[in-house]
Protein backbone atom coordinates (compact mmCIF):
# COMPACT_ATOMS: atom_id res chain seq x y z
CA MET A 1 -20.59 4.11 3.93
CA SER A 2 -23.83 3.73 1.97
CA SER A 3 -22.80 6.26 -0.66
CA VAL A 4 -19.35 4.72 -1.19
CA GLU A 5 -18.97 2.14 -3.95
CA ILE A 6 -16.13 -0.39 -3.71
CA ARG A 7 -14.98 -1.25 -7.24
CA PRO A 8 -12.15 -3.67 -8.08
CA VAL A 9 -10.28 -2.81 -11.30
CA SER A 10 -7.44 -4.87 -12.76
CA GLY A 11 -4.48 -3.98 -14.94
CA ILE A 12 -4.71 -1.35 -17.63
CA ALA A 13 -8.43 -0.84 -16.97
CA VAL A 14 -7.38 1.54 -14.17
CA GLU A 15 -5.87 4.00 -16.68
CA PRO A 16 -8.74 6.57 -16.51
CA TRP A 17 -8.18 7.00 -12.76
CA LEU A 18 -4.37 7.16 -12.59
CA ASP A 19 -4.01 10.93 -12.31
CA GLU A 20 -6.67 11.05 -9.60
CA LEU A 21 -4.99 8.19 -7.74
CA ALA A 22 -1.61 9.94 -7.89
CA GLY A 23 -3.14 13.04 -6.32
CA LEU A 24 -4.85 11.00 -3.62
CA ARG A 25 -1.60 9.24 -2.69
CA ILE A 26 0.20 12.56 -2.37
CA ARG A 27 -2.57 14.00 -0.20
CA VAL A 28 -2.83 11.08 2.22
CA PHE A 29 0.88 10.35 2.47
CA ARG A 30 1.61 13.93 3.58
CA ASP A 31 0.37 12.86 7.00
CA TYR A 32 2.44 11.12 9.65
CA PRO A 33 4.12 8.63 9.55
CA TYR A 34 5.03 9.09 5.86
CA LEU A 35 5.35 12.90 5.76
CA TYR A 36 5.80 12.55 2.00
CA ASP A 37 6.42 15.68 -0.04
CA GLY A 38 4.86 14.20 -3.15
CA ASP A 39 5.95 14.36 -6.77
CA PRO A 40 3.10 13.91 -9.30
CA ASP A 41 5.45 12.69 -12.07
CA TYR A 42 6.95 10.02 -9.82
CA GLU A 43 3.51 8.97 -8.64
CA ARG A 44 2.29 8.48 -12.18
CA ARG A 45 5.32 6.33 -13.06
CA TYR A 46 4.85 4.29 -9.90
CA LEU A 47 1.19 3.63 -10.64
CA ASP A 48 1.94 2.84 -14.29
CA ARG A 49 3.98 -0.15 -13.10
CA TYR A 50 0.91 -1.56 -11.40
CA ALA A 51 -1.30 -0.81 -14.39
CA ARG A 52 1.07 -2.74 -16.70
CA SER A 53 0.81 -5.90 -14.60
CA ASP A 54 -1.94 -8.16 -15.95
CA ARG A 55 -2.55 -9.58 -12.44
CA SER A 56 -2.59 -6.29 -10.57
CA LEU A 57 -5.57 -5.05 -8.63
CA PHE A 58 -6.82 -1.62 -7.70
CA VAL A 59 -9.68 -1.54 -5.21
CA LEU A 60 -11.31 1.85 -5.68
CA ALA A 61 -13.53 3.53 -3.11
CA LEU A 62 -15.78 5.87 -5.08
CA GLU A 63 -18.34 8.38 -3.91
CA TYR A 64 -20.36 9.70 -6.84
CA ASN A 65 -17.47 8.73 -9.15
CA ARG A 66 -14.91 10.66 -7.07
CA VAL A 67 -12.08 8.51 -5.75
CA VAL A 68 -11.91 8.79 -1.96
CA GLY A 69 -9.66 5.80 -1.39
CA VAL A 70 -7.67 3.11 -3.15
CA ALA A 71 -5.77 -0.05 -2.32
CA SER A 72 -3.43 -1.70 -4.79
CA ALA A 73 -1.72 -5.05 -5.21
CA LEU A 74 0.31 -7.01 -7.75
CA PRO A 75 2.51 -10.12 -7.94
CA LEU A 76 5.73 -9.40 -6.06
CA GLU A 77 7.70 -10.41 -9.16
CA ASP A 78 6.15 -7.40 -10.96
CA ALA A 79 7.00 -4.93 -8.18
CA ASP A 80 9.87 -2.45 -7.96
CA GLU A 81 13.28 -3.94 -7.23
CA GLU A 82 13.38 -2.40 -3.75
CA PHE A 83 10.47 -4.63 -2.75
CA LEU A 84 11.55 -7.73 -4.66
CA VAL A 85 15.22 -8.09 -3.66
CA PRO A 86 14.70 -8.68 0.11
CA PHE A 87 12.52 -11.70 -0.69
CA GLN A 88 15.07 -13.02 -3.19
CA GLN A 89 17.69 -12.81 -0.45
CA ARG A 90 15.71 -14.01 2.59
CA GLY A 91 12.45 -15.55 1.34
CA PRO A 92 9.72 -16.49 1.06
CA SER A 93 10.05 -17.14 -2.64
CA PRO A 94 8.85 -14.09 -4.64
CA GLU A 95 6.69 -16.16 -7.01
CA LYS A 96 4.55 -17.18 -4.02
CA VAL A 97 3.92 -13.62 -2.81
CA TYR A 98 1.16 -11.20 -3.77
CA TYR A 99 2.35 -7.74 -2.74
CA PHE A 100 0.01 -5.07 -1.41
CA GLY A 101 1.03 -1.53 -2.30
CA GLU A 102 -0.67 1.49 -0.84
CA SER A 103 -3.95 1.52 1.01
CA VAL A 104 -5.05 5.14 1.27
CA LEU A 105 -8.37 6.61 2.32
CA LEU A 106 -9.41 10.19 3.00
CA PRO A 107 -9.78 10.78 6.76
CA GLU A 108 -13.51 11.46 6.71
CA TYR A 109 -14.18 7.97 5.29
CA ARG A 110 -12.18 6.02 7.85
CA GLY A 111 -13.77 3.84 10.52
CA GLN A 112 -16.54 2.65 8.20
CA GLY A 113 -15.13 -0.76 7.27
CA ILE A 114 -13.61 0.32 3.96
CA GLY A 115 -10.11 -0.66 5.09
CA HIS A 116 -11.31 -4.21 5.74
CA ARG A 117 -12.88 -4.32 2.27
CA PHE A 118 -9.56 -3.25 0.79
CA PHE A 119 -7.87 -6.22 2.45
CA ASP A 120 -10.72 -8.65 1.79
CA LEU A 121 -10.67 -8.11 -1.96
CA ARG A 122 -6.89 -8.13 -2.32
CA GLU A 123 -6.64 -11.34 -0.32
CA LEU A 124 -9.39 -12.87 -2.45
CA TYR A 125 -7.54 -12.01 -5.66
CA ALA A 126 -4.31 -13.39 -4.21
CA SER A 127 -6.08 -16.67 -3.44
CA ASP A 128 -7.70 -16.81 -6.88
CA PHE A 129 -4.29 -16.33 -8.50
CA GLY A 130 -2.79 -19.10 -6.35
CA PHE A 131 -0.45 -17.03 -4.17
CA SER A 132 0.28 -18.56 -0.76
CA THR A 133 1.48 -15.35 0.95
CA THR A 134 0.35 -11.74 0.98
CA ALA A 135 2.70 -8.97 2.08
CA PHE A 136 3.02 -5.25 2.46
CA CYS A 137 5.52 -2.90 4.08
CA SER A 138 5.27 0.12 6.34
CA VAL A 139 7.69 2.90 7.18
CA VAL A 140 9.64 2.65 10.44
CA ARG A 141 9.76 5.88 12.44
CA ALA A 142 11.37 6.40 15.84
CA THR A 143 8.91 6.02 18.70
CA ASP A 144 9.97 9.45 19.98
CA ASP A 145 9.81 11.20 16.59
CA PRO A 146 8.89 14.80 17.47
CA ARG A 147 6.70 15.04 14.35
CA GLN A 148 4.31 12.38 15.65
CA PRO A 149 0.96 14.05 16.35
CA ARG A 150 -0.44 14.01 19.87
CA GLY A 151 -2.74 11.02 20.31
CA TYR A 152 -1.42 9.28 17.18
CA THR A 153 -2.37 5.62 16.89
CA GLY A 154 -0.74 3.48 14.22
CA LEU A 155 -2.35 0.68 12.23
CA GLU A 156 -0.39 -2.18 13.77
CA SER A 157 -3.32 -3.54 15.78
CA PHE A 158 -5.53 -3.45 12.66
CA TRP A 159 -2.91 -5.35 10.65
CA ARG A 160 -2.42 -7.92 13.41
CA GLY A 161 -6.17 -8.38 13.57
CA ARG A 162 -6.07 -9.25 9.87
CA GLY A 163 -3.47 -11.96 10.59
CA TYR A 164 -0.34 -10.07 9.50
CA ARG A 165 2.93 -10.12 11.43
CA PRO A 166 6.18 -8.21 10.93
CA ALA A 167 8.77 -10.54 9.41
CA ALA A 168 11.95 -10.41 11.49
CA GLY A 169 14.85 -9.05 9.45
CA LEU A 170 12.79 -8.60 6.29
CA THR A 171 13.12 -4.92 5.47
CA THR A 172 13.91 -2.67 2.56
CA GLY A 173 14.83 0.96 2.08
CA PHE A 174 13.01 3.59 0.07
CA CYS A 175 13.90 7.22 -0.55
CA TRP A 176 11.63 10.25 -0.54
CA ARG A 177 11.71 13.84 0.64
CA ASP A 178 9.98 14.53 3.93
CA LEU A 179 7.88 17.66 4.32
CA GLY A 180 10.08 20.62 5.17
CA GLU A 181 13.30 18.96 4.00
CA GLN A 182 15.43 19.78 0.97
CA GLU A 183 16.85 16.36 0.14
CA GLU A 184 15.53 12.84 -0.10
CA THR A 185 16.53 10.47 2.68
CA ARG A 186 16.36 6.71 2.84
CA LYS A 187 13.68 5.24 5.09
CA THR A 188 13.55 1.72 6.49
CA MET A 189 10.41 -0.18 5.47
CA GLN A 190 9.31 -3.24 7.47
CA PHE A 191 7.54 -6.08 5.66
CA TRP A 192 4.43 -7.66 7.17
CA LEU A 193 3.36 -11.12 5.97
CA ARG A 194 0.30 -13.35 6.11
CA ASP A 195 0.11 -16.92 4.86
CA ALA A 196 -3.12 -17.92 3.14
CA PRO A 197 -5.37 -20.22 5.20
CA GLU A 198 -4.98 -23.89 4.41
């Protein structure tokens, strides 16, 4: 990890990296469980929403100025409607929630503590901004999905170790095209929450 720099960037200051971040998201999310057949134009629009939020955060993992990983976050009230509406309907109150978007890292850089740094810095920003809850969501796939690679281990134990728990009944749906499919389908996304320490 010695050659990897962790650099937090907020708001529009991330603009020079947006195209590179879009490509990284597409590359990493091709893998199970997302199986995302990425669209660069959509990715750029998605990231622009984060860049326009003055309290957003991008935690960049850079090796010799090449982006090898990124984690993002923004106030839930600034997020896409698909993420906001479930909280408006079931709580907790959106104005109290700092929402974590993607956390993606190239495979060869995993297992070096970078994922923990991604969470550490986003949780720190959430605390500095006065948010009492941090949240993210993950795709729900069937346990017997035939596309699951042999020996696959999900990130649930990592998330639980960070103090996050799946919120019962708090889900949303998001559409994308899986690899090898012709049409977009709607996927269930489960929210995980963590309350800030007192």
